[in-house]
Amino acid sequence: MKIQLIDGHFSAADALELTTRMVQVKVRFLEDKIKGLEHEEDIKMREGRIKNLQNELAAVRKLWSENGSSQLYLHAVISTNEEK
């Protein structure tokens, strides 16, 4: 099964806003999971994932601002493990 989340051309500003919001949702999800954890190992793993997402977003923001493109194509799909 697949869920098509994003598939289209966006202005650079809209692409950045959409990407930023998606990362923020994932970060909030991980932060909520951390609140219920007791094992330091699991907490550190999720904190590391949050930091990685923040670093990736910063890199994308820098790349897109340096690129100077007025339009960007974004494609995002969620698929189950059965489909690759």
PDB file of N, CA and C in Angstrom:
ATOM      1  N   MET A   1       0.844  -1.179   0.000  1.00  0.00           N
ATOM      2  CA  MET A   1       0.000   0.000   0.000  1.00  0.00           C
ATOM      3  C   MET A   1       0.891   1.245   0.000  1.00  0.00           C
ATOM      4  N   LYS A   2       0.452   2.247  -0.747  1.00  0.00           N
ATOM      5  CA  LYS A   2       1.192   3.498  -0.811  1.00  0.00           C
ATOM      6  C   LYS A   2       0.256   4.668  -0.538  1.00  0.00           C
ATOM      7  N   ILE A   3       0.816   5.681   0.104  1.00  0.00           N
ATOM      8  CA  ILE A   3       0.117   6.953   0.297  1.00  0.00           C
ATOM      9  C   ILE A   3       0.973   8.021  -0.364  1.00  0.00           C
ATOM     10  N   GLN A   4       0.422   8.652  -1.381  1.00  0.00           N
ATOM     11  CA  GLN A   4       1.122   9.734  -2.084  1.00  0.00           C
ATOM     12  C   GLN A   4       0.916  11.023  -1.295  1.00  0.00           C
ATOM     13  N   LEU A   5       1.952  11.512  -0.650  1.00  0.00           N
ATOM     14  CA  LEU A   5       1.844  12.725   0.156  1.00  0.00           C
ATOM     15  C   LEU A   5       2.091  13.987  -0.666  1.00  0.00           C
ATOM     16  N   ILE A   6       3.139  13.960  -1.446  1.00  0.00           N
ATOM     17  CA  ILE A   6       3.529  15.146  -2.209  1.00  0.00           C
ATOM     18  C   ILE A   6       3.993  14.687  -3.586  1.00  0.00           C
ATOM     19  N   ASP A   7       3.559  15.403  -4.598  1.00  0.00           N
ATOM     20  CA  ASP A   7       4.033  15.126  -5.947  1.00  0.00           C
ATOM     21  C   ASP A   7       3.722  16.334  -6.817  1.00  0.00           C
ATOM     22  N   GLY A   8       4.688  17.219  -6.943  1.00  0.00           N
ATOM     23  CA  GLY A   8       4.442  18.378  -7.774  1.00  0.00           C
ATOM     24  C   GLY A   8       5.542  19.415  -7.683  1.00  0.00           C
ATOM     25  N   HIS A   9       5.354  20.467  -8.458  1.00  0.00           N
ATOM     26  CA  HIS A   9       6.276  21.596  -8.472  1.00  0.00           C
ATOM     27  C   HIS A   9       5.778  22.670  -7.514  1.00  0.00           C
ATOM     28  N   PHE A  10       6.707  23.233  -6.773  1.00  0.00           N
ATOM     29  CA  PHE A  10       6.394  24.252  -5.776  1.00  0.00           C
ATOM     30  C   PHE A  10       7.386  25.393  -5.912  1.00  0.00           C
ATOM     31  N   SER A  11       6.942  26.576  -5.525  1.00  0.00           N
ATOM     32  CA  SER A  11       7.904  27.676  -5.431  1.00  0.00           C
ATOM     33  C   SER A  11       8.932  27.289  -4.373  1.00  0.00           C
ATOM     34  N   ALA A  12      10.096  27.893  -4.446  1.00  0.00           N
ATOM     35  CA  ALA A  12      11.144  27.570  -3.471  1.00  0.00           C
ATOM     36  C   ALA A  12      10.660  27.836  -2.047  1.00  0.00           C
ATOM     37  N   ALA A  13       9.927  28.924  -1.851  1.00  0.00           N
ATOM     38  CA  ALA A  13       9.426  29.260  -0.516  1.00  0.00           C
ATOM     39  C   ALA A  13       8.417  28.225  -0.032  1.00  0.00           C
ATOM     40  N   ASP A  14       7.499  27.817  -0.917  1.00  0.00           N
ATOM     41  CA  ASP A  14       6.501  26.819  -0.528  1.00  0.00           C
ATOM     42  C   ASP A  14       7.137  25.455  -0.287  1.00  0.00           C
ATOM     43  N   ALA A  15       8.114  25.095  -1.113  1.00  0.00           N
ATOM     44  CA  ALA A  15       8.805  23.823  -0.934  1.00  0.00           C
ATOM     45  C   ALA A  15       9.522  23.789   0.417  1.00  0.00           C
ATOM     46  N   LEU A  16      10.156  24.882   0.762  1.00  0.00           N
ATOM     47  CA  LEU A  16      10.851  24.947   2.045  1.00  0.00           C
ATOM     48  C   LEU A  16       9.866  24.907   3.207  1.00  0.00           C
ATOM     49  N   GLU A  17       8.756  25.623   3.084  1.00  0.00           N
ATOM     50  CA  GLU A  17       7.752  25.615   4.146  1.00  0.00           C
ATOM     51  C   GLU A  17       7.164  24.216   4.327  1.00  0.00           C
ATOM     52  N   LEU A  18       6.820  23.561   3.230  1.00  0.00           N
ATOM     53  CA  LEU A  18       6.245  22.220   3.311  1.00  0.00           C
ATOM     54  C   LEU A  18       7.230  21.228   3.914  1.00  0.00           C
ATOM     55  N   THR A  19       8.470  21.287   3.468  1.00  0.00           N
ATOM     56  CA  THR A  19       9.503  20.397   3.996  1.00  0.00           C
ATOM     57  C   THR A  19       9.755  20.664   5.473  1.00  0.00           C
ATOM     58  N   THR A  20       9.817  21.927   5.848  1.00  0.00           N
ATOM     59  CA  THR A  20      10.043  22.301   7.248  1.00  0.00           C
ATOM     60  C   THR A  20       8.909  21.776   8.128  1.00  0.00           C
ATOM     61  N   ARG A  21       7.681  21.945   7.675  1.00  0.00           N
ATOM     62  CA  ARG A  21       6.542  21.465   8.462  1.00  0.00           C
ATOM     63  C   ARG A  21       6.548  19.951   8.616  1.00  0.00           C
ATOM     64  N   MET A  22       6.922  19.248   7.571  1.00  0.00           N
ATOM     65  CA  MET A  22       6.977  17.787   7.669  1.00  0.00           C
ATOM     66  C   MET A  22       8.053  17.343   8.657  1.00  0.00           C
ATOM     67  N   VAL A  23       9.193  18.006   8.621  1.00  0.00           N
ATOM     68  CA  VAL A  23      10.257  17.679   9.577  1.00  0.00           C
ATOM     69  C   VAL A  23       9.806  18.009  10.997  1.00  0.00           C
ATOM     70  N   GLN A  24       9.130  19.132  11.176  1.00  0.00           N
ATOM     71  CA  GLN A  24       8.643  19.510  12.505  1.00  0.00           C
ATOM     72  C   GLN A  24       7.667  18.482  13.063  1.00  0.00           C
ATOM     73  N   VAL A  25       6.813  17.947  12.214  1.00  0.00           N
ATOM     74  CA  VAL A  25       5.872  16.919  12.658  1.00  0.00           C
ATOM     75  C   VAL A  25       6.626  15.685  13.132  1.00  0.00           C
ATOM     76  N   LYS A  26       7.625  15.273  12.373  1.00  0.00           N
ATOM     77  CA  LYS A  26       8.414  14.099  12.751  1.00  0.00           C
ATOM     78  C   LYS A  26       9.184  14.353  14.049  1.00  0.00           C
ATOM     79  N   VAL A  27       9.730  15.545  14.208  1.00  0.00           N
ATOM     80  CA  VAL A  27      10.459  15.891  15.437  1.00  0.00           C
ATOM     81  C   VAL A  27       9.509  15.848  16.627  1.00  0.00           C
ATOM     82  N   ARG A  28       8.323  16.426  16.492  1.00  0.00           N
ATOM     83  CA  ARG A  28       7.343  16.385  17.591  1.00  0.00           C
ATOM     84  C   ARG A  28       6.958  14.947  17.926  1.00  0.00           C
ATOM     85  N   PHE A  29       6.801  14.113  16.917  1.00  0.00           N
ATOM     86  CA  PHE A  29       6.485  12.706  17.132  1.00  0.00           C
ATOM     87  C   PHE A  29       7.577  12.037  17.962  1.00  0.00           C
ATOM     88  N   LEU A  30       8.837  12.261  17.574  1.00  0.00           N
ATOM     89  CA  LEU A  30       9.958  11.665  18.308  1.00  0.00           C
ATOM     90  C   LEU A  30      10.046  12.215  19.728  1.00  0.00           C
ATOM     91  N   GLU A  31       9.808  13.515  19.902  1.00  0.00           N
ATOM     92  CA  GLU A  31       9.831  14.116  21.242  1.00  0.00           C
ATOM     93  C   GLU A  31       8.742  13.518  22.123  1.00  0.00           C
ATOM     94  N   ASP A  32       7.565  13.295  21.565  1.00  0.00           N
ATOM     95  CA  ASP A  32       6.479  12.666  22.326  1.00  0.00           C
ATOM     96  C   ASP A  32       6.844  11.249  22.741  1.00  0.00           C
ATOM     97  N   LYS A  33       7.519  10.527  21.859  1.00  0.00           N
ATOM     98  CA  LYS A  33       7.953   9.166  22.178  1.00  0.00           C
ATOM     99  C   LYS A  33       9.009   9.181  23.290  1.00  0.00           C
ATOM    100  N   ILE A  34       9.896  10.159  23.263  1.00  0.00           N
ATOM    101  CA  ILE A  34      10.948  10.265  24.280  1.00  0.00           C
ATOM    102  C   ILE A  34      10.333  10.439  25.667  1.00  0.00           C
ATOM    103  N   LYS A  35       9.265  11.212  25.759  1.00  0.00           N
ATOM    104  CA  LYS A  35       8.621  11.472  27.056  1.00  0.00           C
ATOM    105  C   LYS A  35       8.174  10.193  27.744  1.00  0.00           C
ATOM    106  N   GLY A  36       7.813   9.178  26.976  1.00  0.00           N
ATOM    107  CA  GLY A  36       7.328   7.940  27.567  1.00  0.00           C
ATOM    108  C   GLY A  36       8.380   6.872  27.750  1.00  0.00           C
ATOM    109  N   LEU A  37       9.622   7.184  27.431  1.00  0.00           N
ATOM    110  CA  LEU A  37      10.682   6.177  27.502  1.00  0.00           C
ATOM    111  C   LEU A  37      11.451   6.247  28.811  1.00  0.00           C
ATOM    112  N   GLU A  38      11.926   5.091  29.216  1.00  0.00           N
ATOM    113  CA  GLU A  38      12.744   5.011  30.420  1.00  0.00           C
ATOM    114  C   GLU A  38      14.181   4.599  30.099  1.00  0.00           C
ATOM    115  N   HIS A  39      14.372   3.911  28.996  1.00  0.00           N
ATOM    116  CA  HIS A  39      15.701   3.402  28.646  1.00  0.00           C
ATOM    117  C   HIS A  39      16.528   4.488  27.965  1.00  0.00           C
ATOM    118  N   GLU A  40      17.659   4.778  28.566  1.00  0.00           N
ATOM    119  CA  GLU A  40      18.542   5.826  28.064  1.00  0.00           C
ATOM    120  C   GLU A  40      18.973   5.560  26.622  1.00  0.00           C
ATOM    121  N   GLU A  41      19.160   4.296  26.289  1.00  0.00           N
ATOM    122  CA  GLU A  41      19.579   3.929  24.940  1.00  0.00           C
ATOM    123  C   GLU A  41      18.533   4.354  23.898  1.00  0.00           C
ATOM    124  N   ASP A  42      17.256   4.105  24.190  1.00  0.00           N
ATOM    125  CA  ASP A  42      16.179   4.493  23.275  1.00  0.00           C
ATOM    126  C   ASP A  42      16.051   6.008  23.175  1.00  0.00           C
ATOM    127  N   ILE A  43      16.216   6.676  24.293  1.00  0.00           N
ATOM    128  CA  ILE A  43      16.138   8.137  24.314  1.00  0.00           C
ATOM    129  C   ILE A  43      17.246   8.732  23.457  1.00  0.00           C
ATOM    130  N   LYS A  44      18.461   8.250  23.630  1.00  0.00           N
ATOM    131  CA  LYS A  44      19.593   8.758  22.861  1.00  0.00           C
ATOM    132  C   LYS A  44      19.416   8.501  21.370  1.00  0.00           C
ATOM    133  N   MET A  45      18.860   7.346  21.008  1.00  0.00           N
ATOM    134  CA  MET A  45      18.627   7.022  19.605  1.00  0.00           C
ATOM    135  C   MET A  45      17.654   8.022  18.986  1.00  0.00           C
ATOM    136  N   ARG A  46      16.572   8.316  19.691  1.00  0.00           N
ATOM    137  CA  ARG A  46      15.583   9.264  19.167  1.00  0.00           C
ATOM    138  C   ARG A  46      16.126  10.698  19.157  1.00  0.00           C
ATOM    139  N   GLU A  47      16.891  11.060  20.175  1.00  0.00           N
ATOM    140  CA  GLU A  47      17.516  12.388  20.179  1.00  0.00           C
ATOM    141  C   GLU A  47      18.484  12.527  19.007  1.00  0.00           C
ATOM    142  N   GLY A  48      19.197  11.455  18.703  1.00  0.00           N
ATOM    143  CA  GLY A  48      20.103  11.466  17.561  1.00  0.00           C
ATOM    144  C   GLY A  48      19.353  11.625  16.252  1.00  0.00           C
ATOM    145  N   ARG A  49      18.204  10.977  16.152  1.00  0.00           N
ATOM    146  CA  ARG A  49      17.389  11.104  14.938  1.00  0.00           C
ATOM    147  C   ARG A  49      16.860  12.527  14.788  1.00  0.00           C
ATOM    148  N   ILE A  50      16.459  13.140  15.902  1.00  0.00           N
ATOM    149  CA  ILE A  50      15.999  14.536  15.864  1.00  0.00           C
ATOM    150  C   ILE A  50      17.118  15.442  15.375  1.00  0.00           C
ATOM    151  N   LYS A  51      18.303  15.283  15.924  1.00  0.00           N
ATOM    152  CA  LYS A  51      19.448  16.101  15.527  1.00  0.00           C
ATOM    153  C   LYS A  51      19.768  15.900  14.045  1.00  0.00           C
ATOM    154  N   ASN A  52      19.691  14.652  13.596  1.00  0.00           N
ATOM    155  CA  ASN A  52      19.953  14.347  12.191  1.00  0.00           C
ATOM    156  C   ASN A  52      18.924  15.029  11.285  1.00  0.00           C
ATOM    157  N   LEU A  53      17.658  14.977  11.648  1.00  0.00           N
ATOM    158  CA  LEU A  53      16.622  15.649  10.863  1.00  0.00           C
ATOM    159  C   LEU A  53      16.854  17.152  10.805  1.00  0.00           C
ATOM    160  N   GLN A  54      17.228  17.740  11.934  1.00  0.00           N
ATOM    161  CA  GLN A  54      17.489  19.178  11.974  1.00  0.00           C
ATOM    162  C   GLN A  54      18.688  19.543  11.092  1.00  0.00           C
ATOM    163  N   ASN A  55      19.714  18.718  11.117  1.00  0.00           N
ATOM    164  CA  ASN A  55      20.900  18.965  10.277  1.00  0.00           C
ATOM    165  C   ASN A  55      20.558  18.814   8.796  1.00  0.00           C
ATOM    166  N   GLU A  56      19.769  17.795   8.463  1.00  0.00           N
ATOM    167  CA  GLU A  56      19.370  17.587   7.074  1.00  0.00           C
ATOM    168  C   GLU A  56      18.515  18.753   6.579  1.00  0.00           C
ATOM    169  N   LEU A  57      17.613  19.236   7.416  1.00  0.00           N
ATOM    170  CA  LEU A  57      16.784  20.379   7.028  1.00  0.00           C
ATOM    171  C   LEU A  57      17.644  21.624   6.794  1.00  0.00           C
ATOM    172  N   ALA A  58      18.610  21.844   7.658  1.00  0.00           N
ATOM    173  CA  ALA A  58      19.510  22.991   7.483  1.00  0.00           C
ATOM    174  C   ALA A  58      20.287  22.868   6.174  1.00  0.00           C
ATOM    175  N   ALA A  59      20.733  21.664   5.837  1.00  0.00           N
ATOM    176  CA  ALA A  59      21.473  21.448   4.592  1.00  0.00           C
ATOM    177  C   ALA A  59      20.578  21.688   3.376  1.00  0.00           C
ATOM    178  N   VAL A  60      19.348  21.233   3.448  1.00  0.00           N
ATOM    179  CA  VAL A  60      18.398  21.455   2.348  1.00  0.00           C
ATOM    180  C   VAL A  60      18.113  22.940   2.196  1.00  0.00           C
ATOM    181  N   ARG A  61      17.896  23.618   3.311  1.00  0.00           N
ATOM    182  CA  ARG A  61      17.636  25.066   3.283  1.00  0.00           C
ATOM    183  C   ARG A  61      18.799  25.801   2.618  1.00  0.00           C
ATOM    184  N   LYS A  62      20.021  25.434   2.974  1.00  0.00           N
ATOM    185  CA  LYS A  62      21.211  26.079   2.397  1.00  0.00           C
ATOM    186  C   LYS A  62      21.319  25.767   0.902  1.00  0.00           C
ATOM    187  N   LEU A  63      21.135  24.509   0.535  1.00  0.00           N
ATOM    188  CA  LEU A  63      21.232  24.103  -0.861  1.00  0.00           C
ATOM    189  C   LEU A  63      20.204  24.832  -1.712  1.00  0.00           C
ATOM    190  N   TRP A  64      18.966  24.870  -1.257  1.00  0.00           N
ATOM    191  CA  TRP A  64      17.909  25.506  -2.029  1.00  0.00           C
ATOM    192  C   TRP A  64      18.117  27.008  -2.133  1.00  0.00           C
ATOM    193  N   SER A  65      18.641  27.633  -1.091  1.00  0.00           N
ATOM    194  CA  SER A  65      18.871  29.077  -1.161  1.00  0.00           C
ATOM    195  C   SER A  65      20.033  29.400  -2.102  1.00  0.00           C
ATOM    196  N   GLU A  66      21.039  28.531  -2.145  1.00  0.00           N
ATOM    197  CA  GLU A  66      22.177  28.731  -3.039  1.00  0.00           C
ATOM    198  C   GLU A  66      21.833  28.385  -4.485  1.00  0.00           C
ATOM    199  N   ASN A  67      20.901  27.455  -4.654  1.00  0.00           N
ATOM    200  CA  ASN A  67      20.504  26.993  -5.982  1.00  0.00           C
ATOM    201  C   ASN A  67      19.841  28.106  -6.779  1.00  0.00           C
ATOM    202  N   GLY A  68      19.021  28.901  -6.134  1.00  0.00           N
ATOM    203  CA  GLY A  68      18.368  30.014  -6.790  1.00  0.00           C
ATOM    204  C   GLY A  68      17.202  29.632  -7.682  1.00  0.00           C
ATOM    205  N   SER A  69      16.782  28.374  -7.650  1.00  0.00           N
ATOM    206  CA  SER A  69      15.652  27.955  -8.474  1.00  0.00           C
ATOM    207  C   SER A  69      14.357  28.566  -7.959  1.00  0.00           C
ATOM    208  N   SER A  70      13.508  28.970  -8.888  1.00  0.00           N
ATOM    209  CA  SER A  70      12.217  29.520  -8.485  1.00  0.00           C
ATOM    210  C   SER A  70      11.195  28.407  -8.281  1.00  0.00           C
ATOM    211  N   GLN A  71      11.414  27.245  -8.904  1.00  0.00           N
ATOM    212  CA  GLN A  71      10.513  26.101  -8.779  1.00  0.00           C
ATOM    213  C   GLN A  71      11.305  24.867  -8.359  1.00  0.00           C
ATOM    214  N   LEU A  72      10.724  24.095  -7.465  1.00  0.00           N
ATOM    215  CA  LEU A  72      11.330  22.835  -7.039  1.00  0.00           C
ATOM    216  C   LEU A  72      10.294  21.731  -7.151  1.00  0.00           C
ATOM    217  N   TYR A  73      10.745  20.564  -7.528  1.00  0.00           N
ATOM    218  CA  TYR A  73       9.858  19.401  -7.603  1.00  0.00           C
ATOM    219  C   TYR A  73      10.042  18.578  -6.339  1.00  0.00           C
ATOM    220  N   LEU A  74       8.939  18.307  -5.655  1.00  0.00           N
ATOM    221  CA  LEU A  74       8.962  17.481  -4.449  1.00  0.00           C
ATOM    222  C   LEU A  74       8.119  16.237  -4.681  1.00  0.00           C
ATOM    223  N   HIS A  75       8.608  15.127  -4.158  1.00  0.00           N
ATOM    224  CA  HIS A  75       7.908  13.850  -4.290  1.00  0.00           C
ATOM    225  C   HIS A  75       8.084  13.108  -2.971  1.00  0.00           C
ATOM    226  N   ALA A  76       6.983  12.751  -2.332  1.00  0.00           N
ATOM    227  CA  ALA A  76       7.056  12.017  -1.067  1.00  0.00           C
ATOM    228  C   ALA A  76       5.956  10.969  -1.031  1.00  0.00           C
ATOM    229  N   VAL A  77       6.371   9.724  -0.771  1.00  0.00           N
ATOM    230  CA  VAL A  77       5.440   8.599  -0.723  1.00  0.00           C
ATOM    231  C   VAL A  77       5.721   7.799   0.544  1.00  0.00           C
ATOM    232  N   ILE A  78       4.664   7.358   1.181  1.00  0.00           N
ATOM    233  CA  ILE A  78       4.794   6.406   2.286  1.00  0.00           C
ATOM    234  C   ILE A  78       4.359   5.056   1.728  1.00  0.00           C
ATOM    235  N   SER A  79       5.194   4.056   1.907  1.00  0.00           N
ATOM    236  CA  SER A  79       4.833   2.726   1.432  1.00  0.00           C
ATOM    237  C   SER A  79       5.129   1.697   2.528  1.00  0.00           C
ATOM    238  N   THR A  80       4.391   0.609   2.484  1.00  0.00           N
ATOM    239  CA  THR A  80       4.592  -0.453   3.459  1.00  0.00           C
ATOM    240  C   THR A  80       5.838  -1.254   3.091  1.00  0.00           C
ATOM    241  N   ASN A  81       6.315  -2.063   4.012  1.00  0.00           N
ATOM    242  CA  ASN A  81       7.514  -2.871   3.767  1.00  0.00           C
ATOM    243  C   ASN A  81       7.330  -3.847   2.614  1.00  0.00           C
ATOM    244  N   GLU A  82       6.089  -4.236   2.331  1.00  0.00           N
ATOM    245  CA  GLU A  82       5.859  -5.196   1.259  1.00  0.00           C
ATOM    246  C   GLU A  82       6.232  -4.610  -0.086  1.00  0.00           C
ATOM    247  N   GLU A  83       6.203  -3.283  -0.210  1.00  0.00           N
ATOM    248  CA  GLU A  83       6.483  -2.645  -1.490  1.00  0.00           C
ATOM    249  C   GLU A  83       7.810  -1.911  -1.424  1.00  0.00           C
ATOM    250  N   LYS A  84       8.641  -2.160  -2.406  1.00  0.00           N
ATOM    251  CA  LYS A  84       9.936  -1.470  -2.448  1.00  0.00           C
ATOM    252  C   LYS A  84      10.167  -0.894  -3.802  1.00  0.00           C
TER     253      LYS A  84
END
